[in-house]
Amino acid sequence: MEWALPLRNILRYEKTSLPQPQDFTYAAFQQILPLLSETLVAPFATAYPPLLQASIKSVEAVLINDWPRISYYRGEILRGLTTCWCRIKDQETIPMELTKVQQSIKGALQLLRSLLKADIHVAEEFQILMASDDRLHDLVTV
């Protein structure tokens, strides 16, 4: 995981620059969201919790800055958050750092839910998620 430390540093930089909407463009949104999602779903991402925390904080910044387009990209965001949640739940023992990551995932999902309140299909999608995997029950019923 030699890529983890440089990526974490990039995400820390992005985390400080993303909350300024005037600097955040649609093109950047299209490029950064797949990077964040792939970071969250990486098979060994749980080995380095600071990278996950930085990724989740960056996802939150993207949600806040580009909320009008979130409805279109909600599948990509949900894929990253739910896959990361399931990988953490699969651990035999969950260290304290990963427990903090779980809390961050819950917070990001709650933010996503609040931004998508007007979308009628969101409630159905969350029901489908709960039915598809028992590990997601604690996450989706927040």
N, C-alpha and C. Protein backbone atom coordinates (compact mmCIF):
# COMPACT_ATOMS: atom_id res chain seq x y z
N MET A 1 0.83 -1.19 0.00
CA MET A 1 0.00 0.00 0.00
C MET A 1 0.87 1.25 0.00
N GLU A 2 1.87 1.27 -0.88
CA GLU A 2 2.74 2.44 -0.96
C GLU A 2 2.00 3.67 -1.48
N TRP A 3 0.83 3.48 -2.06
CA TRP A 3 0.03 4.60 -2.57
C TRP A 3 -0.80 5.26 -1.49
N ALA A 4 -0.93 4.61 -0.34
CA ALA A 4 -1.85 5.12 0.69
C ALA A 4 -1.40 6.45 1.28
N LEU A 5 -0.14 6.58 1.62
CA LEU A 5 0.33 7.81 2.26
C LEU A 5 0.25 9.02 1.31
N PRO A 6 0.74 8.91 0.06
CA PRO A 6 0.59 10.07 -0.83
C PRO A 6 -0.88 10.42 -1.09
N LEU A 7 -1.73 9.42 -1.22
CA LEU A 7 -3.14 9.69 -1.46
C LEU A 7 -3.77 10.36 -0.25
N ARG A 8 -3.41 9.92 0.94
CA ARG A 8 -3.94 10.56 2.15
C ARG A 8 -3.52 12.03 2.19
N ASN A 9 -2.29 12.32 1.80
CA ASN A 9 -1.82 13.70 1.80
C ASN A 9 -2.58 14.54 0.78
N ILE A 10 -2.87 13.95 -0.38
CA ILE A 10 -3.66 14.66 -1.39
C ILE A 10 -5.05 14.94 -0.85
N LEU A 11 -5.66 13.95 -0.21
CA LEU A 11 -7.01 14.12 0.31
C LEU A 11 -7.04 15.15 1.43
N ARG A 12 -5.99 15.21 2.22
CA ARG A 12 -5.93 16.25 3.25
C ARG A 12 -5.90 17.62 2.61
N TYR A 13 -5.14 17.75 1.51
CA TYR A 13 -5.09 19.02 0.80
C TYR A 13 -6.45 19.34 0.20
N GLU A 14 -7.08 18.35 -0.44
CA GLU A 14 -8.39 18.55 -1.04
C GLU A 14 -9.42 18.90 0.03
N LYS A 15 -9.29 18.27 1.19
CA LYS A 15 -10.25 18.52 2.26
C LYS A 15 -10.26 20.00 2.65
N THR A 16 -9.10 20.63 2.62
CA THR A 16 -9.05 22.03 2.99
C THR A 16 -9.48 22.93 1.84
N SER A 17 -9.34 22.46 0.61
CA SER A 17 -9.69 23.33 -0.52
C SER A 17 -11.12 23.10 -1.02
N LEU A 18 -11.72 21.94 -0.77
CA LEU A 18 -13.05 21.67 -1.30
C LEU A 18 -14.16 22.56 -0.76
N PRO A 19 -14.16 22.92 0.51
CA PRO A 19 -15.29 23.69 1.01
C PRO A 19 -15.47 25.09 0.41
N GLN A 20 -14.63 25.52 -0.51
CA GLN A 20 -14.80 26.82 -1.14
C GLN A 20 -15.51 26.63 -2.47
N PRO A 21 -16.82 26.82 -2.52
CA PRO A 21 -17.60 26.52 -3.71
C PRO A 21 -17.12 27.23 -4.97
N GLN A 22 -16.57 28.43 -4.85
CA GLN A 22 -16.15 29.13 -6.05
C GLN A 22 -14.98 28.42 -6.73
N ASP A 23 -14.21 27.62 -6.01
CA ASP A 23 -13.08 26.92 -6.59
C ASP A 23 -13.46 25.52 -7.08
N PHE A 24 -14.65 25.08 -6.73
CA PHE A 24 -15.05 23.71 -7.01
C PHE A 24 -15.93 23.67 -8.25
N THR A 25 -15.46 22.99 -9.28
CA THR A 25 -16.21 22.96 -10.53
C THR A 25 -16.78 21.57 -10.77
N TYR A 26 -17.69 21.51 -11.71
CA TYR A 26 -18.31 20.25 -12.07
C TYR A 26 -17.28 19.26 -12.59
N ALA A 27 -16.30 19.73 -13.34
CA ALA A 27 -15.26 18.83 -13.87
C ALA A 27 -14.47 18.20 -12.73
N ALA A 28 -14.16 18.99 -11.71
CA ALA A 28 -13.43 18.44 -10.57
C ALA A 28 -14.28 17.42 -9.84
N PHE A 29 -15.57 17.69 -9.75
CA PHE A 29 -16.49 16.76 -9.10
C PHE A 29 -16.49 15.41 -9.82
N GLN A 30 -16.56 15.45 -11.14
CA GLN A 30 -16.57 14.21 -11.92
C GLN A 30 -15.27 13.43 -11.77
N GLN A 31 -14.18 14.10 -11.54
CA GLN A 31 -12.88 13.43 -11.43
C GLN A 31 -12.60 12.94 -10.02
N ILE A 32 -13.02 13.68 -9.02
CA ILE A 32 -12.66 13.31 -7.66
C ILE A 32 -13.58 12.25 -7.06
N LEU A 33 -14.84 12.23 -7.45
CA LEU A 33 -15.77 11.27 -6.86
C LEU A 33 -15.37 9.82 -7.13
N PRO A 34 -14.99 9.44 -8.36
CA PRO A 34 -14.53 8.05 -8.56
C PRO A 34 -13.27 7.72 -7.76
N LEU A 35 -12.37 8.68 -7.61
CA LEU A 35 -11.17 8.47 -6.81
C LEU A 35 -11.53 8.18 -5.36
N LEU A 36 -12.44 8.96 -4.81
CA LEU A 36 -12.85 8.76 -3.43
C LEU A 36 -13.58 7.43 -3.26
N SER A 37 -14.44 7.11 -4.19
CA SER A 37 -15.20 5.86 -4.12
C SER A 37 -14.27 4.66 -4.20
N GLU A 38 -13.33 4.70 -5.12
CA GLU A 38 -12.38 3.58 -5.26
C GLU A 38 -11.49 3.45 -4.04
N THR A 39 -11.16 4.55 -3.41
CA THR A 39 -10.38 4.49 -2.18
C THR A 39 -11.16 3.79 -1.08
N LEU A 40 -12.45 4.09 -0.98
CA LEU A 40 -13.28 3.48 0.06
C LEU A 40 -13.53 1.99 -0.18
N VAL A 41 -13.57 1.57 -1.44
CA VAL A 41 -13.86 0.16 -1.72
C VAL A 41 -12.61 -0.69 -1.89
N ALA A 42 -11.44 -0.10 -1.79
CA ALA A 42 -10.20 -0.86 -1.94
C ALA A 42 -10.17 -2.01 -0.94
N PRO A 43 -9.74 -3.19 -1.39
CA PRO A 43 -9.79 -4.38 -0.52
C PRO A 43 -9.01 -4.26 0.79
N PHE A 44 -7.90 -3.54 0.77
CA PHE A 44 -7.08 -3.44 1.98
C PHE A 44 -7.12 -2.05 2.59
N ALA A 45 -8.14 -1.29 2.28
CA ALA A 45 -8.25 0.08 2.79
C ALA A 45 -8.38 0.12 4.30
N THR A 46 -8.96 -0.91 4.88
CA THR A 46 -9.14 -0.91 6.34
C THR A 46 -7.81 -1.05 7.08
N ALA A 47 -6.75 -1.37 6.36
CA ALA A 47 -5.44 -1.47 6.99
C ALA A 47 -4.88 -0.10 7.34
N TYR A 48 -5.43 0.94 6.74
CA TYR A 48 -4.93 2.30 6.99
C TYR A 48 -6.10 3.25 7.23
N PRO A 49 -6.66 3.26 8.45
CA PRO A 49 -7.83 4.08 8.76
C PRO A 49 -7.70 5.58 8.48
N PRO A 50 -6.51 6.19 8.64
CA PRO A 50 -6.44 7.63 8.32
C PRO A 50 -6.79 7.94 6.87
N LEU A 51 -6.49 7.04 5.97
CA LEU A 51 -6.86 7.22 4.56
C LEU A 51 -8.37 7.17 4.40
N LEU A 52 -9.01 6.25 5.09
CA LEU A 52 -10.47 6.17 5.03
C LEU A 52 -11.12 7.42 5.61
N GLN A 53 -10.59 7.89 6.73
CA GLN A 53 -11.15 9.10 7.36
C GLN A 53 -11.02 10.30 6.41
N ALA A 54 -9.85 10.44 5.78
CA ALA A 54 -9.64 11.55 4.86
C ALA A 54 -10.58 11.43 3.66
N SER A 55 -10.79 10.22 3.18
CA SER A 55 -11.68 10.00 2.04
C SER A 55 -13.13 10.35 2.41
N ILE A 56 -13.56 9.93 3.57
CA ILE A 56 -14.94 10.20 3.99
C ILE A 56 -15.15 11.70 4.21
N LYS A 57 -14.17 12.37 4.81
CA LYS A 57 -14.28 13.82 4.98
C LYS A 57 -14.34 14.52 3.62
N SER A 58 -13.60 14.01 2.65
CA SER A 58 -13.64 14.58 1.31
C SER A 58 -14.98 14.32 0.64
N VAL A 59 -15.55 13.14 0.86
CA VAL A 59 -16.89 12.85 0.33
C VAL A 59 -17.89 13.83 0.93
N GLU A 60 -17.79 14.09 2.22
CA GLU A 60 -18.68 15.06 2.85
C GLU A 60 -18.53 16.45 2.23
N ALA A 61 -17.28 16.83 1.95
CA ALA A 61 -17.05 18.14 1.33
C ALA A 61 -17.67 18.18 -0.07
N VAL A 62 -17.56 17.09 -0.80
CA VAL A 62 -18.18 17.02 -2.13
C VAL A 62 -19.69 17.14 -1.99
N LEU A 63 -20.27 16.44 -1.02
CA LEU A 63 -21.72 16.50 -0.81
C LEU A 63 -22.17 17.93 -0.50
N ILE A 64 -21.42 18.60 0.32
CA ILE A 64 -21.79 19.97 0.71
C ILE A 64 -21.64 20.93 -0.46
N ASN A 65 -20.56 20.78 -1.21
CA ASN A 65 -20.28 21.73 -2.29
C ASN A 65 -21.09 21.51 -3.55
N ASP A 66 -21.43 20.30 -3.84
CA ASP A 66 -22.09 20.03 -5.11
C ASP A 66 -23.43 19.33 -4.90
N TRP A 67 -24.16 19.74 -3.90
CA TRP A 67 -25.42 19.08 -3.55
C TRP A 67 -26.44 19.07 -4.67
N PRO A 68 -26.49 20.04 -5.60
CA PRO A 68 -27.52 19.94 -6.65
C PRO A 68 -27.35 18.72 -7.57
N ARG A 69 -26.11 18.24 -7.73
CA ARG A 69 -25.86 17.11 -8.62
C ARG A 69 -25.74 15.77 -7.88
N ILE A 70 -25.89 15.78 -6.60
CA ILE A 70 -25.70 14.57 -5.80
C ILE A 70 -26.69 13.49 -6.17
N SER A 71 -27.90 13.84 -6.50
CA SER A 71 -28.91 12.85 -6.85
C SER A 71 -28.43 11.95 -7.98
N TYR A 72 -27.76 12.52 -8.94
CA TYR A 72 -27.27 11.75 -10.09
C TYR A 72 -26.16 10.80 -9.69
N TYR A 73 -25.31 11.20 -8.75
CA TYR A 73 -24.14 10.41 -8.36
C TYR A 73 -24.34 9.62 -7.06
N ARG A 74 -25.54 9.56 -6.56
CA ARG A 74 -25.75 8.91 -5.26
C ARG A 74 -25.36 7.44 -5.26
N GLY A 75 -25.49 6.76 -6.39
CA GLY A 75 -25.10 5.35 -6.47
C GLY A 75 -23.62 5.15 -6.23
N GLU A 76 -22.81 6.01 -6.82
CA GLU A 76 -21.36 5.94 -6.64
C GLU A 76 -20.99 6.23 -5.19
N ILE A 77 -21.64 7.20 -4.60
CA ILE A 77 -21.36 7.55 -3.20
C ILE A 77 -21.80 6.41 -2.28
N LEU A 78 -22.99 5.89 -2.52
CA LEU A 78 -23.49 4.77 -1.70
C LEU A 78 -22.60 3.54 -1.84
N ARG A 79 -22.13 3.27 -3.04
CA ARG A 79 -21.24 2.12 -3.26
C ARG A 79 -20.00 2.24 -2.40
N GLY A 80 -19.38 3.41 -2.40
CA GLY A 80 -18.17 3.60 -1.60
C GLY A 80 -18.43 3.47 -0.11
N LEU A 81 -19.46 4.14 0.38
CA LEU A 81 -19.74 4.12 1.82
C LEU A 81 -20.18 2.74 2.30
N THR A 82 -21.08 2.09 1.56
CA THR A 82 -21.59 0.79 2.02
C THR A 82 -20.54 -0.32 1.90
N THR A 83 -19.73 -0.28 0.86
CA THR A 83 -18.69 -1.31 0.72
C THR A 83 -17.66 -1.16 1.83
N CYS A 84 -17.29 0.07 2.13
CA CYS A 84 -16.34 0.30 3.23
C CYS A 84 -16.94 -0.18 4.55
N TRP A 85 -18.21 0.12 4.77
CA TRP A 85 -18.89 -0.32 5.99
C TRP A 85 -18.86 -1.85 6.10
N CYS A 86 -19.17 -2.52 5.02
CA CYS A 86 -19.19 -4.00 5.04
C CYS A 86 -17.80 -4.58 5.28
N ARG A 87 -16.77 -3.97 4.70
CA ARG A 87 -15.40 -4.46 4.94
C ARG A 87 -15.01 -4.30 6.40
N ILE A 88 -15.45 -3.21 7.01
CA ILE A 88 -15.16 -3.04 8.44
C ILE A 88 -15.93 -4.06 9.26
N LYS A 89 -17.20 -4.28 8.92
CA LYS A 89 -18.02 -5.25 9.66
C LYS A 89 -17.48 -6.67 9.54
N ASP A 90 -16.76 -6.96 8.45
CA ASP A 90 -16.20 -8.30 8.24
C ASP A 90 -15.00 -8.59 9.14
N GLN A 91 -14.44 -7.55 9.75
CA GLN A 91 -13.28 -7.74 10.63
C GLN A 91 -13.71 -8.53 11.86
N GLU A 92 -12.84 -9.41 12.32
CA GLU A 92 -13.15 -10.20 13.52
C GLU A 92 -13.27 -9.29 14.74
N THR A 93 -12.29 -8.43 14.91
CA THR A 93 -12.36 -7.42 15.97
C THR A 93 -12.18 -6.06 15.30
N ILE A 94 -12.97 -5.11 15.73
CA ILE A 94 -12.93 -3.79 15.11
C ILE A 94 -12.15 -2.85 16.02
N PRO A 95 -10.96 -2.41 15.57
CA PRO A 95 -10.17 -1.48 16.38
C PRO A 95 -10.87 -0.13 16.54
N MET A 96 -10.43 0.63 17.52
CA MET A 96 -11.04 1.92 17.81
C MET A 96 -10.99 2.86 16.61
N GLU A 97 -9.88 2.84 15.85
CA GLU A 97 -9.76 3.72 14.68
C GLU A 97 -10.85 3.41 13.65
N LEU A 98 -11.15 2.12 13.46
CA LEU A 98 -12.18 1.75 12.50
C LEU A 98 -13.58 2.04 13.04
N THR A 99 -13.73 2.05 14.34
CA THR A 99 -15.01 2.45 14.93
C THR A 99 -15.27 3.93 14.62
N LYS A 100 -14.21 4.73 14.67
CA LYS A 100 -14.34 6.14 14.30
C LYS A 100 -14.69 6.29 12.82
N VAL A 101 -14.10 5.43 12.00
CA VAL A 101 -14.42 5.45 10.57
C VAL A 101 -15.90 5.11 10.37
N GLN A 102 -16.40 4.13 11.12
CA GLN A 102 -17.81 3.78 11.02
C GLN A 102 -18.71 4.96 11.39
N GLN A 103 -18.33 5.70 12.42
CA GLN A 103 -19.11 6.88 12.80
C GLN A 103 -19.09 7.92 11.69
N SER A 104 -17.93 8.07 11.05
CA SER A 104 -17.82 9.02 9.94
C SER A 104 -18.69 8.59 8.76
N ILE A 105 -18.73 7.29 8.50
CA ILE A 105 -19.57 6.78 7.41
C ILE A 105 -21.04 7.07 7.72
N LYS A 106 -21.44 6.84 8.97
CA LYS A 106 -22.82 7.15 9.37
C LYS A 106 -23.14 8.62 9.16
N GLY A 107 -22.20 9.48 9.53
CA GLY A 107 -22.40 10.91 9.35
C GLY A 107 -22.52 11.30 7.89
N ALA A 108 -21.67 10.73 7.04
CA ALA A 108 -21.72 11.03 5.61
C ALA A 108 -23.03 10.53 5.01
N LEU A 109 -23.48 9.36 5.43
CA LEU A 109 -24.74 8.83 4.91
C LEU A 109 -25.92 9.68 5.38
N GLN A 110 -25.87 10.15 6.60
CA GLN A 110 -26.93 11.03 7.12
C GLN A 110 -26.97 12.33 6.32
N LEU A 111 -25.79 12.86 5.99
CA LEU A 111 -25.72 14.07 5.17
C LEU A 111 -26.31 13.80 3.79
N LEU A 112 -25.96 12.67 3.20
CA LEU A 112 -26.51 12.30 1.89
C LEU A 112 -28.03 12.19 1.95
N ARG A 113 -28.52 11.55 2.99
CA ARG A 113 -29.98 11.40 3.16
C ARG A 113 -30.66 12.76 3.26
N SER A 114 -30.08 13.66 4.02
CA SER A 114 -30.71 14.97 4.20
C SER A 114 -30.70 15.76 2.90
N LEU A 115 -29.69 15.58 2.08
CA LEU A 115 -29.63 16.28 0.79
C LEU A 115 -30.61 15.69 -0.22
N LEU A 116 -30.97 14.43 -0.05
CA LEU A 116 -31.84 13.74 -1.00
C LEU A 116 -33.26 13.59 -0.48
N LYS A 117 -33.63 14.33 0.53
CA LYS A 117 -34.97 14.20 1.13
C LYS A 117 -36.09 14.30 0.11
N ALA A 118 -35.94 15.19 -0.84
CA ALA A 118 -37.00 15.43 -1.82
C ALA A 118 -37.14 14.29 -2.83
N ASP A 119 -36.11 13.47 -2.94
CA ASP A 119 -36.14 12.37 -3.91
C ASP A 119 -36.94 11.20 -3.33
N ILE A 120 -38.02 10.87 -3.97
CA ILE A 120 -38.94 9.83 -3.48
C ILE A 120 -38.28 8.45 -3.49
N HIS A 121 -37.41 8.21 -4.46
CA HIS A 121 -36.83 6.88 -4.63
C HIS A 121 -35.75 6.53 -3.60
N VAL A 122 -35.28 7.51 -2.87
CA VAL A 122 -34.20 7.27 -1.91
C VAL A 122 -34.65 6.31 -0.81
N ALA A 123 -35.83 6.48 -0.28
CA ALA A 123 -36.32 5.58 0.77
C ALA A 123 -36.39 4.15 0.25
N GLU A 124 -36.83 3.98 -0.98
CA GLU A 124 -36.88 2.64 -1.58
C GLU A 124 -35.48 2.06 -1.73
N GLU A 125 -34.53 2.89 -2.15
CA GLU A 125 -33.16 2.41 -2.32
C GLU A 125 -32.56 1.96 -0.99
N PHE A 126 -32.84 2.70 0.06
CA PHE A 126 -32.33 2.30 1.37
C PHE A 126 -32.99 1.00 1.84
N GLN A 127 -34.24 0.82 1.54
CA GLN A 127 -34.91 -0.44 1.89
C GLN A 127 -34.28 -1.61 1.13
N ILE A 128 -33.97 -1.40 -0.13
CA ILE A 128 -33.31 -2.45 -0.93
C ILE A 128 -31.94 -2.76 -0.35
N LEU A 129 -31.20 -1.73 0.06
CA LEU A 129 -29.89 -1.95 0.67
C LEU A 129 -30.00 -2.78 1.93
N MET A 130 -30.96 -2.44 2.79
CA MET A 130 -31.14 -3.21 4.03
C MET A 130 -31.50 -4.65 3.74
N ALA A 131 -32.33 -4.88 2.76
CA ALA A 131 -32.74 -6.24 2.43
C ALA A 131 -31.62 -7.04 1.78
N SER A 132 -30.71 -6.35 1.12
CA SER A 132 -29.66 -7.06 0.38
C SER A 132 -28.53 -7.58 1.27
N ASP A 133 -28.28 -6.91 2.39
CA ASP A 133 -27.15 -7.31 3.23
C ASP A 133 -27.44 -6.95 4.68
N ASP A 134 -27.40 -7.93 5.55
CA ASP A 134 -27.69 -7.71 6.97
C ASP A 134 -26.68 -6.79 7.63
N ARG A 135 -25.44 -6.76 7.10
CA ARG A 135 -24.42 -5.91 7.70
C ARG A 135 -24.76 -4.43 7.59
N LEU A 136 -25.61 -4.09 6.63
CA LEU A 136 -25.95 -2.69 6.40
C LEU A 136 -27.09 -2.19 7.29
N HIS A 137 -27.70 -3.07 8.03
CA HIS A 137 -28.85 -2.68 8.84
C HIS A 137 -28.50 -1.56 9.81
N ASP A 138 -27.37 -1.68 10.52
CA ASP A 138 -26.96 -0.65 11.48
C ASP A 138 -26.65 0.68 10.79
N LEU A 139 -26.18 0.61 9.56
CA LEU A 139 -25.82 1.83 8.83
C LEU A 139 -27.04 2.54 8.27
N VAL A 140 -27.92 1.79 7.63
CA VAL A 140 -29.04 2.38 6.91
C VAL A 140 -30.15 2.84 7.85
N THR A 141 -30.26 2.25 9.02
CA THR A 141 -31.33 2.63 9.94
C THR A 141 -30.94 3.78 10.86
N VAL A 142 -29.90 4.52 10.48
CA VAL A 142 -29.45 5.65 11.31
C VAL A 142 -30.53 6.68 11.40
